[in-house]
Amino acid sequence: MILDFARLMLFPALLAFVACSDLFTMTISNRISLALVGGFLVLALFGGMGMHDFLMHLGAGAVVLVVAFACFAIGQVGGGDAKIASCVALWFGFDHLLDFLFCASLFGGALTLLLLWLRQWPLPYPLNGQDWLLRLHDKRSRVPYGIALAFGALMVYPETEWSKAIDLTHLAMY
């Protein structure tokens, strides 16, 4: 039951925190990346993931880490976004990686267009006292892409083996 609860809540809760953190502070703590990696390792170990699957998940995380940090090095993405993308790839493996990247791209494009549109208009006076809104509204500010990564991951997560392994009837009894 604890394993099912962890599968159900850990990944989505951490990704929700990523989205909120990036929205309000435009930063993603390294602790969240470490929690995602640690959560994966614990659930893979206690969930009975085979060595082949484990190595494939590690491979997916490594590939995304290399590509994302190359993008970071040329200034295309933030460091936190690169780490979160690789952590999500670690959880999803190659089986759901393209679905995640596609969804995150769609959400990222929509978020970018929305921010570009909103930044054309002055911020309403009652909202001017909110530092996070001023930062988000600033035309020189970057797009908090961690939001798109989190939404993309949360869209794909129900289709993964992590979610499919949850015994909801057992959880419903408690």
N, C-alpha and C. Protein backbone atom coordinates (compact mmCIF):
# COMPACT_ATOMS: atom_id res chain seq x y z
N MET A 1 0.82 -1.19 0.00
CA MET A 1 0.00 0.00 0.00
C MET A 1 0.87 1.27 0.00
N ILE A 2 1.93 1.28 0.78
CA ILE A 2 2.82 2.45 0.82
C ILE A 2 3.47 2.66 -0.54
N LEU A 3 3.84 1.55 -1.18
CA LEU A 3 4.44 1.64 -2.51
C LEU A 3 3.45 2.23 -3.51
N ASP A 4 2.20 1.79 -3.45
CA ASP A 4 1.17 2.33 -4.34
C ASP A 4 0.93 3.81 -4.06
N PHE A 5 0.90 4.18 -2.80
CA PHE A 5 0.70 5.59 -2.45
C PHE A 5 1.86 6.44 -2.97
N ALA A 6 3.08 5.92 -2.84
CA ALA A 6 4.25 6.65 -3.34
C ALA A 6 4.19 6.79 -4.86
N ARG A 7 3.79 5.72 -5.55
CA ARG A 7 3.66 5.80 -7.02
C ARG A 7 2.60 6.82 -7.42
N LEU A 8 1.54 6.87 -6.65
CA LEU A 8 0.43 7.77 -6.96
C LEU A 8 0.77 9.23 -6.67
N MET A 9 1.50 9.50 -5.62
CA MET A 9 1.66 10.87 -5.15
C MET A 9 3.04 11.50 -5.35
N LEU A 10 4.11 10.75 -5.24
CA LEU A 10 5.45 11.34 -5.20
C LEU A 10 5.77 12.15 -6.46
N PHE A 11 5.74 11.51 -7.60
CA PHE A 11 6.10 12.18 -8.85
C PHE A 11 5.18 13.37 -9.13
N PRO A 12 3.85 13.18 -9.08
CA PRO A 12 2.97 14.34 -9.34
C PRO A 12 3.16 15.48 -8.34
N ALA A 13 3.36 15.17 -7.08
CA ALA A 13 3.54 16.23 -6.08
C ALA A 13 4.82 17.02 -6.33
N LEU A 14 5.89 16.32 -6.66
CA LEU A 14 7.15 17.01 -6.93
C LEU A 14 7.05 17.87 -8.20
N LEU A 15 6.36 17.37 -9.21
CA LEU A 15 6.21 18.17 -10.44
C LEU A 15 5.29 19.36 -10.21
N ALA A 16 4.28 19.22 -9.38
CA ALA A 16 3.43 20.36 -9.03
C ALA A 16 4.27 21.42 -8.31
N PHE A 17 5.17 20.97 -7.46
CA PHE A 17 6.06 21.91 -6.77
C PHE A 17 6.99 22.60 -7.75
N VAL A 18 7.48 21.86 -8.75
CA VAL A 18 8.34 22.45 -9.79
C VAL A 18 7.60 23.58 -10.49
N ALA A 19 6.36 23.32 -10.90
CA ALA A 19 5.59 24.33 -11.62
C ALA A 19 5.36 25.57 -10.76
N CYS A 20 4.98 25.37 -9.51
CA CYS A 20 4.74 26.51 -8.62
C CYS A 20 6.02 27.28 -8.33
N SER A 21 7.08 26.56 -8.09
CA SER A 21 8.35 27.21 -7.79
C SER A 21 8.82 28.05 -8.97
N ASP A 22 8.72 27.50 -10.18
CA ASP A 22 9.16 28.24 -11.36
C ASP A 22 8.25 29.44 -11.63
N LEU A 23 6.97 29.29 -11.37
CA LEU A 23 6.04 30.40 -11.55
C LEU A 23 6.35 31.54 -10.59
N PHE A 24 6.52 31.22 -9.32
CA PHE A 24 6.65 32.27 -8.31
C PHE A 24 8.08 32.80 -8.13
N THR A 25 9.09 31.98 -8.41
CA THR A 25 10.45 32.43 -8.15
C THR A 25 11.36 32.39 -9.37
N MET A 26 10.90 31.76 -10.45
CA MET A 26 11.70 31.55 -11.67
C MET A 26 12.97 30.76 -11.37
N THR A 27 12.92 29.93 -10.35
CA THR A 27 14.02 29.02 -10.04
C THR A 27 13.45 27.65 -9.67
N ILE A 28 14.26 26.64 -9.88
CA ILE A 28 13.89 25.28 -9.50
C ILE A 28 15.03 24.75 -8.64
N SER A 29 14.72 24.44 -7.41
CA SER A 29 15.74 23.99 -6.46
C SER A 29 16.37 22.67 -6.88
N ASN A 30 17.66 22.54 -6.61
CA ASN A 30 18.35 21.28 -6.85
C ASN A 30 17.77 20.16 -5.98
N ARG A 31 17.19 20.53 -4.87
CA ARG A 31 16.61 19.52 -3.97
C ARG A 31 15.47 18.77 -4.65
N ILE A 32 14.73 19.47 -5.50
CA ILE A 32 13.63 18.81 -6.21
C ILE A 32 14.19 17.78 -7.19
N SER A 33 15.24 18.15 -7.90
CA SER A 33 15.87 17.20 -8.83
C SER A 33 16.39 15.99 -8.06
N LEU A 34 17.02 16.24 -6.93
CA LEU A 34 17.53 15.13 -6.11
C LEU A 34 16.40 14.27 -5.57
N ALA A 35 15.29 14.90 -5.19
CA ALA A 35 14.14 14.13 -4.70
C ALA A 35 13.55 13.27 -5.81
N LEU A 36 13.50 13.81 -7.03
CA LEU A 36 13.00 13.02 -8.16
C LEU A 36 13.90 11.83 -8.46
N VAL A 37 15.21 12.05 -8.45
CA VAL A 37 16.15 10.95 -8.69
C VAL A 37 16.06 9.93 -7.55
N GLY A 38 16.06 10.40 -6.32
CA GLY A 38 15.96 9.50 -5.17
C GLY A 38 14.65 8.72 -5.17
N GLY A 39 13.55 9.40 -5.47
CA GLY A 39 12.26 8.72 -5.55
C GLY A 39 12.24 7.65 -6.61
N PHE A 40 12.83 7.96 -7.76
CA PHE A 40 12.92 6.95 -8.82
C PHE A 40 13.71 5.74 -8.34
N LEU A 41 14.87 5.98 -7.74
CA LEU A 41 15.72 4.86 -7.30
C LEU A 41 15.01 3.99 -6.27
N VAL A 42 14.35 4.61 -5.32
CA VAL A 42 13.64 3.86 -4.28
C VAL A 42 12.49 3.05 -4.89
N LEU A 43 11.68 3.69 -5.73
CA LEU A 43 10.55 2.98 -6.32
C LEU A 43 11.00 1.91 -7.30
N ALA A 44 12.08 2.16 -8.03
CA ALA A 44 12.60 1.13 -8.94
C ALA A 44 13.09 -0.08 -8.16
N LEU A 45 13.78 0.19 -7.06
CA LEU A 45 14.31 -0.89 -6.24
C LEU A 45 13.20 -1.69 -5.58
N PHE A 46 12.30 -1.00 -4.88
CA PHE A 46 11.26 -1.69 -4.13
C PHE A 46 10.08 -2.11 -5.00
N GLY A 47 9.98 -1.52 -6.19
CA GLY A 47 8.90 -1.89 -7.11
C GLY A 47 9.25 -3.05 -8.01
N GLY A 48 10.47 -3.55 -7.92
CA GLY A 48 10.86 -4.72 -8.67
C GLY A 48 11.22 -4.45 -10.12
N MET A 49 11.70 -3.27 -10.44
CA MET A 49 12.09 -2.98 -11.82
C MET A 49 13.30 -3.84 -12.18
N GLY A 50 13.23 -4.46 -13.34
CA GLY A 50 14.32 -5.31 -13.83
C GLY A 50 15.53 -4.47 -14.22
N MET A 51 16.68 -5.12 -14.29
CA MET A 51 17.93 -4.44 -14.60
C MET A 51 17.89 -3.81 -15.99
N HIS A 52 17.34 -4.51 -16.96
CA HIS A 52 17.26 -3.96 -18.32
C HIS A 52 16.43 -2.69 -18.34
N ASP A 53 15.26 -2.73 -17.71
CA ASP A 53 14.40 -1.54 -17.66
C ASP A 53 15.09 -0.41 -16.90
N PHE A 54 15.75 -0.75 -15.81
CA PHE A 54 16.45 0.25 -15.02
C PHE A 54 17.52 0.96 -15.86
N LEU A 55 18.29 0.18 -16.60
CA LEU A 55 19.34 0.75 -17.44
C LEU A 55 18.74 1.59 -18.58
N MET A 56 17.60 1.18 -19.11
CA MET A 56 16.95 1.96 -20.16
C MET A 56 16.46 3.31 -19.61
N HIS A 57 15.94 3.30 -18.40
CA HIS A 57 15.52 4.55 -17.77
C HIS A 57 16.73 5.45 -17.51
N LEU A 58 17.81 4.87 -17.03
CA LEU A 58 19.05 5.65 -16.82
C LEU A 58 19.54 6.22 -18.15
N GLY A 59 19.48 5.43 -19.19
CA GLY A 59 19.91 5.89 -20.51
C GLY A 59 19.08 7.06 -21.01
N ALA A 60 17.77 6.98 -20.83
CA ALA A 60 16.89 8.07 -21.25
C ALA A 60 17.21 9.35 -20.48
N GLY A 61 17.41 9.21 -19.18
CA GLY A 61 17.78 10.37 -18.36
C GLY A 61 19.11 10.96 -18.79
N ALA A 62 20.07 10.11 -19.10
CA ALA A 62 21.41 10.57 -19.51
C ALA A 62 21.35 11.29 -20.86
N VAL A 63 20.60 10.74 -21.81
CA VAL A 63 20.49 11.37 -23.13
C VAL A 63 19.87 12.76 -23.00
N VAL A 64 18.79 12.86 -22.25
CA VAL A 64 18.14 14.16 -22.08
C VAL A 64 19.04 15.11 -21.31
N LEU A 65 19.77 14.62 -20.33
CA LEU A 65 20.69 15.46 -19.58
C LEU A 65 21.75 16.07 -20.49
N VAL A 66 22.33 15.27 -21.37
CA VAL A 66 23.37 15.76 -22.28
C VAL A 66 22.79 16.80 -23.24
N VAL A 67 21.65 16.49 -23.85
CA VAL A 67 21.04 17.43 -24.80
C VAL A 67 20.58 18.71 -24.09
N ALA A 68 19.94 18.55 -22.93
CA ALA A 68 19.44 19.72 -22.20
C ALA A 68 20.57 20.62 -21.72
N PHE A 69 21.68 20.03 -21.27
CA PHE A 69 22.79 20.87 -20.82
C PHE A 69 23.54 21.50 -21.98
N ALA A 70 23.50 20.87 -23.15
CA ALA A 70 24.04 21.54 -24.34
C ALA A 70 23.19 22.77 -24.65
N CYS A 71 21.87 22.63 -24.53
CA CYS A 71 20.97 23.77 -24.74
C CYS A 71 21.19 24.84 -23.66
N PHE A 72 21.45 24.41 -22.44
CA PHE A 72 21.75 25.35 -21.36
C PHE A 72 23.05 26.10 -21.65
N ALA A 73 24.04 25.38 -22.15
CA ALA A 73 25.35 25.99 -22.41
C ALA A 73 25.27 27.09 -23.46
N ILE A 74 24.34 26.97 -24.39
CA ILE A 74 24.19 28.02 -25.42
C ILE A 74 23.09 29.01 -25.07
N GLY A 75 22.56 28.91 -23.84
CA GLY A 75 21.61 29.89 -23.35
C GLY A 75 20.18 29.71 -23.79
N GLN A 76 19.82 28.51 -24.23
CA GLN A 76 18.46 28.28 -24.71
C GLN A 76 17.49 27.84 -23.62
N VAL A 77 17.97 27.20 -22.59
CA VAL A 77 17.12 26.78 -21.47
C VAL A 77 17.84 27.07 -20.16
N GLY A 78 17.08 27.13 -19.09
CA GLY A 78 17.67 27.33 -17.78
C GLY A 78 18.22 26.02 -17.23
N GLY A 79 19.12 26.13 -16.29
CA GLY A 79 19.72 24.95 -15.69
C GLY A 79 18.73 24.08 -14.95
N GLY A 80 17.80 24.72 -14.24
CA GLY A 80 16.77 23.96 -13.52
C GLY A 80 15.88 23.20 -14.49
N ASP A 81 15.54 23.84 -15.60
CA ASP A 81 14.71 23.18 -16.61
C ASP A 81 15.44 21.97 -17.19
N ALA A 82 16.73 22.11 -17.43
CA ALA A 82 17.52 21.00 -17.98
C ALA A 82 17.54 19.82 -17.00
N LYS A 83 17.70 20.12 -15.72
CA LYS A 83 17.73 19.05 -14.73
C LYS A 83 16.37 18.38 -14.59
N ILE A 84 15.31 19.17 -14.58
CA ILE A 84 13.97 18.59 -14.44
C ILE A 84 13.62 17.75 -15.65
N ALA A 85 13.95 18.21 -16.84
CA ALA A 85 13.67 17.42 -18.05
C ALA A 85 14.38 16.07 -17.98
N SER A 86 15.63 16.06 -17.51
CA SER A 86 16.35 14.79 -17.41
C SER A 86 15.79 13.90 -16.31
N CYS A 87 15.32 14.50 -15.23
CA CYS A 87 14.69 13.70 -14.16
C CYS A 87 13.40 13.06 -14.64
N VAL A 88 12.62 13.81 -15.39
CA VAL A 88 11.38 13.25 -15.94
C VAL A 88 11.72 12.12 -16.91
N ALA A 89 12.75 12.32 -17.74
CA ALA A 89 13.17 11.27 -18.67
C ALA A 89 13.61 10.02 -17.90
N LEU A 90 14.26 10.22 -16.76
CA LEU A 90 14.65 9.09 -15.93
C LEU A 90 13.43 8.29 -15.49
N TRP A 91 12.38 8.98 -15.07
CA TRP A 91 11.16 8.32 -14.63
C TRP A 91 10.44 7.64 -15.79
N PHE A 92 10.43 8.27 -16.97
CA PHE A 92 9.64 7.76 -18.08
C PHE A 92 10.37 6.75 -18.94
N GLY A 93 11.68 6.81 -18.96
CA GLY A 93 12.42 5.93 -19.86
C GLY A 93 12.15 6.31 -21.30
N PHE A 94 12.63 5.47 -22.20
CA PHE A 94 12.43 5.76 -23.63
C PHE A 94 10.99 5.49 -24.06
N ASP A 95 10.27 4.66 -23.31
CA ASP A 95 8.90 4.30 -23.70
C ASP A 95 7.97 5.51 -23.81
N HIS A 96 8.11 6.46 -22.91
CA HIS A 96 7.21 7.61 -22.88
C HIS A 96 7.93 8.94 -23.08
N LEU A 97 9.19 8.87 -23.44
CA LEU A 97 9.99 10.09 -23.57
C LEU A 97 9.47 11.01 -24.68
N LEU A 98 9.18 10.47 -25.84
CA LEU A 98 8.69 11.31 -26.93
C LEU A 98 7.33 11.92 -26.62
N ASP A 99 6.47 11.16 -25.95
CA ASP A 99 5.17 11.71 -25.54
C ASP A 99 5.36 12.89 -24.60
N PHE A 100 6.27 12.73 -23.65
CA PHE A 100 6.57 13.82 -22.72
C PHE A 100 7.12 15.04 -23.44
N LEU A 101 8.10 14.83 -24.31
CA LEU A 101 8.70 15.95 -25.02
C LEU A 101 7.69 16.66 -25.91
N PHE A 102 6.81 15.90 -26.53
CA PHE A 102 5.76 16.49 -27.36
C PHE A 102 4.81 17.34 -26.51
N CYS A 103 4.31 16.77 -25.43
CA CYS A 103 3.39 17.51 -24.55
C CYS A 103 4.05 18.75 -23.95
N ALA A 104 5.29 18.59 -23.49
CA ALA A 104 6.00 19.73 -22.90
C ALA A 104 6.22 20.82 -23.95
N SER A 105 6.47 20.43 -25.18
CA SER A 105 6.64 21.41 -26.25
C SER A 105 5.34 22.16 -26.52
N LEU A 106 4.24 21.44 -26.55
CA LEU A 106 2.95 22.10 -26.75
C LEU A 106 2.63 23.07 -25.62
N PHE A 107 2.81 22.62 -24.39
CA PHE A 107 2.56 23.50 -23.25
C PHE A 107 3.53 24.66 -23.22
N GLY A 108 4.78 24.41 -23.58
CA GLY A 108 5.77 25.48 -23.62
C GLY A 108 5.44 26.52 -24.67
N GLY A 109 5.01 26.08 -25.84
CA GLY A 109 4.60 27.01 -26.89
C GLY A 109 3.40 27.84 -26.47
N ALA A 110 2.42 27.18 -25.87
CA ALA A 110 1.22 27.90 -25.41
C ALA A 110 1.59 28.90 -24.31
N LEU A 111 2.42 28.49 -23.38
CA LEU A 111 2.84 29.38 -22.30
C LEU A 111 3.62 30.57 -22.84
N THR A 112 4.50 30.32 -23.78
CA THR A 112 5.27 31.41 -24.39
C THR A 112 4.37 32.40 -25.10
N LEU A 113 3.44 31.90 -25.90
CA LEU A 113 2.51 32.79 -26.61
C LEU A 113 1.64 33.58 -25.63
N LEU A 114 1.18 32.93 -24.57
CA LEU A 114 0.37 33.61 -23.57
C LEU A 114 1.16 34.72 -22.89
N LEU A 115 2.40 34.43 -22.50
CA LEU A 115 3.22 35.46 -21.85
C LEU A 115 3.55 36.60 -22.80
N LEU A 116 3.86 36.29 -24.05
CA LEU A 116 4.13 37.36 -25.02
C LEU A 116 2.91 38.26 -25.19
N TRP A 117 1.74 37.65 -25.23
CA TRP A 117 0.50 38.42 -25.36
C TRP A 117 0.24 39.27 -24.11
N LEU A 118 0.38 38.65 -22.93
CA LEU A 118 0.12 39.38 -21.68
C LEU A 118 1.13 40.50 -21.44
N ARG A 119 2.35 40.30 -21.90
CA ARG A 119 3.38 41.31 -21.69
C ARG A 119 3.20 42.54 -22.57
N GLN A 120 2.29 42.47 -23.52
CA GLN A 120 1.99 43.63 -24.35
C GLN A 120 1.13 44.65 -23.61
N TRP A 121 0.44 44.19 -22.60
CA TRP A 121 -0.50 45.04 -21.86
C TRP A 121 0.09 45.41 -20.51
N PRO A 122 -0.25 46.60 -20.03
CA PRO A 122 0.24 46.96 -18.69
C PRO A 122 -0.40 46.07 -17.62
N LEU A 123 0.36 45.82 -16.60
CA LEU A 123 -0.14 45.03 -15.48
C LEU A 123 -1.17 45.86 -14.72
N PRO A 124 -2.34 45.31 -14.43
CA PRO A 124 -3.35 46.08 -13.68
C PRO A 124 -2.79 46.58 -12.35
N TYR A 125 -3.17 47.76 -11.98
CA TYR A 125 -2.63 48.43 -10.80
C TYR A 125 -2.69 47.57 -9.54
N PRO A 126 -3.82 46.91 -9.22
CA PRO A 126 -3.85 46.13 -7.97
C PRO A 126 -2.82 44.98 -7.93
N LEU A 127 -2.32 44.59 -9.09
CA LEU A 127 -1.35 43.48 -9.14
C LEU A 127 0.09 43.95 -9.13
N ASN A 128 0.33 45.26 -9.18
CA ASN A 128 1.69 45.79 -9.25
C ASN A 128 2.53 45.51 -8.01
N GLY A 129 1.93 45.19 -6.91
CA GLY A 129 2.69 44.93 -5.68
C GLY A 129 3.20 43.50 -5.57
N GLN A 130 2.89 42.66 -6.52
CA GLN A 130 3.30 41.26 -6.47
C GLN A 130 4.62 41.09 -7.23
N ASP A 131 5.69 40.84 -6.50
CA ASP A 131 7.01 40.72 -7.13
C ASP A 131 7.04 39.63 -8.21
N TRP A 132 6.42 38.49 -7.92
CA TRP A 132 6.46 37.39 -8.88
C TRP A 132 5.71 37.75 -10.16
N LEU A 133 4.64 38.52 -10.05
CA LEU A 133 3.92 38.95 -11.25
C LEU A 133 4.71 39.98 -12.04
N LEU A 134 5.38 40.88 -11.33
CA LEU A 134 6.22 41.87 -12.00
C LEU A 134 7.34 41.17 -12.77
N ARG A 135 7.94 40.15 -12.15
CA ARG A 135 9.01 39.39 -12.79
C ARG A 135 8.48 38.63 -14.01
N LEU A 136 7.32 38.03 -13.87
CA LEU A 136 6.70 37.28 -14.96
C LEU A 136 6.28 38.19 -16.10
N HIS A 137 5.86 39.40 -15.77
CA HIS A 137 5.35 40.36 -16.76
C HIS A 137 6.47 41.12 -17.47
N ASP A 138 7.65 41.11 -16.90
CA ASP A 138 8.78 41.85 -17.48
C ASP A 138 9.16 41.26 -18.84
N LYS A 139 9.21 42.11 -19.86
CA LYS A 139 9.51 41.66 -21.22
C LYS A 139 10.91 41.09 -21.36
N ARG A 140 11.82 41.46 -20.48
CA ARG A 140 13.19 40.94 -20.52
C ARG A 140 13.32 39.59 -19.80
N SER A 141 12.26 39.22 -19.11
CA SER A 141 12.28 37.99 -18.34
C SER A 141 12.08 36.77 -19.25
N ARG A 142 12.66 35.67 -18.84
CA ARG A 142 12.52 34.43 -19.61
C ARG A 142 11.18 33.76 -19.29
N VAL A 143 10.86 32.77 -20.06
CA VAL A 143 9.65 31.99 -19.84
C VAL A 143 9.95 30.92 -18.78
N PRO A 144 9.12 30.81 -17.75
CA PRO A 144 9.35 29.76 -16.74
C PRO A 144 8.94 28.39 -17.29
N TYR A 145 9.85 27.80 -18.05
CA TYR A 145 9.55 26.59 -18.80
C TYR A 145 9.34 25.37 -17.91
N GLY A 146 9.72 25.47 -16.63
CA GLY A 146 9.45 24.38 -15.71
C GLY A 146 7.97 24.09 -15.59
N ILE A 147 7.15 25.11 -15.80
CA ILE A 147 5.69 24.92 -15.78
C ILE A 147 5.28 23.99 -16.92
N ALA A 148 5.80 24.26 -18.11
CA ALA A 148 5.47 23.43 -19.27
C ALA A 148 5.99 22.00 -19.09
N LEU A 149 7.19 21.87 -18.55
CA LEU A 149 7.75 20.54 -18.31
C LEU A 149 6.88 19.76 -17.32
N ALA A 150 6.44 20.44 -16.27
CA ALA A 150 5.61 19.78 -15.26
C ALA A 150 4.26 19.37 -15.85
N PHE A 151 3.62 20.27 -16.59
CA PHE A 151 2.33 19.94 -17.19
C PHE A 151 2.47 18.80 -18.19
N GLY A 152 3.52 18.85 -19.01
CA GLY A 152 3.75 17.77 -19.96
C GLY A 152 3.96 16.43 -19.27
N ALA A 153 4.74 16.43 -18.20
CA ALA A 153 4.99 15.20 -17.45
C ALA A 153 3.71 14.68 -16.79
N LEU A 154 2.92 15.59 -16.25
CA LEU A 154 1.68 15.17 -15.58
C LEU A 154 0.65 14.65 -16.57
N MET A 155 0.71 15.10 -17.81
CA MET A 155 -0.19 14.58 -18.84
C MET A 155 0.18 13.15 -19.22
N VAL A 156 1.45 12.85 -19.22
CA VAL A 156 1.92 11.54 -19.66
C VAL A 156 1.95 10.52 -18.52
N TYR A 157 2.13 10.97 -17.30
CA TYR A 157 2.32 10.07 -16.16
C TYR A 157 1.23 8.99 -16.02
N PRO A 158 -0.04 9.31 -16.23
CA PRO A 158 -1.05 8.25 -16.10
C PRO A 158 -0.88 7.09 -17.08
N GLU A 159 -0.15 7.30 -18.16
CA GLU A 159 0.06 6.25 -19.16
C GLU A 159 1.28 5.40 -18.88
N THR A 160 2.05 5.75 -17.86
CA THR A 160 3.30 5.03 -17.58
C THR A 160 3.04 3.79 -16.74
N GLU A 161 4.04 2.94 -16.70
CA GLU A 161 3.95 1.74 -15.87
C GLU A 161 3.85 2.08 -14.38
N TRP A 162 4.37 3.24 -14.00
CA TRP A 162 4.28 3.66 -12.60
C TRP A 162 2.82 3.77 -12.19
N SER A 163 2.02 4.40 -13.01
CA SER A 163 0.61 4.59 -12.68
C SER A 163 -0.19 3.31 -12.87
N LYS A 164 0.13 2.58 -13.92
CA LYS A 164 -0.62 1.36 -14.20
C LYS A 164 -0.39 0.28 -13.14
N ALA A 165 0.71 0.37 -12.41
CA ALA A 165 1.00 -0.62 -11.38
C ALA A 165 0.25 -0.35 -10.07
N ILE A 166 -0.40 0.79 -9.97
CA ILE A 166 -1.10 1.15 -8.73
C ILE A 166 -2.39 0.35 -8.61
N ASP A 167 -2.57 -0.26 -7.47
CA ASP A 167 -3.80 -1.00 -7.18
C ASP A 167 -4.77 -0.04 -6.49
N LEU A 168 -5.60 0.64 -7.29
CA LEU A 168 -6.51 1.65 -6.75
C LEU A 168 -7.58 1.05 -5.85
N THR A 169 -7.97 -0.20 -6.11
CA THR A 169 -8.99 -0.81 -5.24
C THR A 169 -8.44 -1.02 -3.84
N HIS A 170 -7.14 -1.34 -3.77
CA HIS A 170 -6.50 -1.53 -2.46
C HIS A 170 -6.39 -0.19 -1.73
N LEU A 171 -6.08 0.87 -2.45
CA LEU A 171 -5.96 2.19 -1.83
C LEU A 171 -7.32 2.72 -1.40
N ALA A 172 -8.36 2.39 -2.12
CA ALA A 172 -9.70 2.90 -1.82
C ALA A 172 -10.23 2.36 -0.49
N MET A 173 -9.72 1.23 -0.05
CA MET A 173 -10.18 0.65 1.20
C MET A 173 -9.72 1.45 2.39
N TYR A 174 -8.67 2.25 2.24
CA TYR A 174 -8.13 3.00 3.37
C TYR A 174 -8.56 4.37 3.27
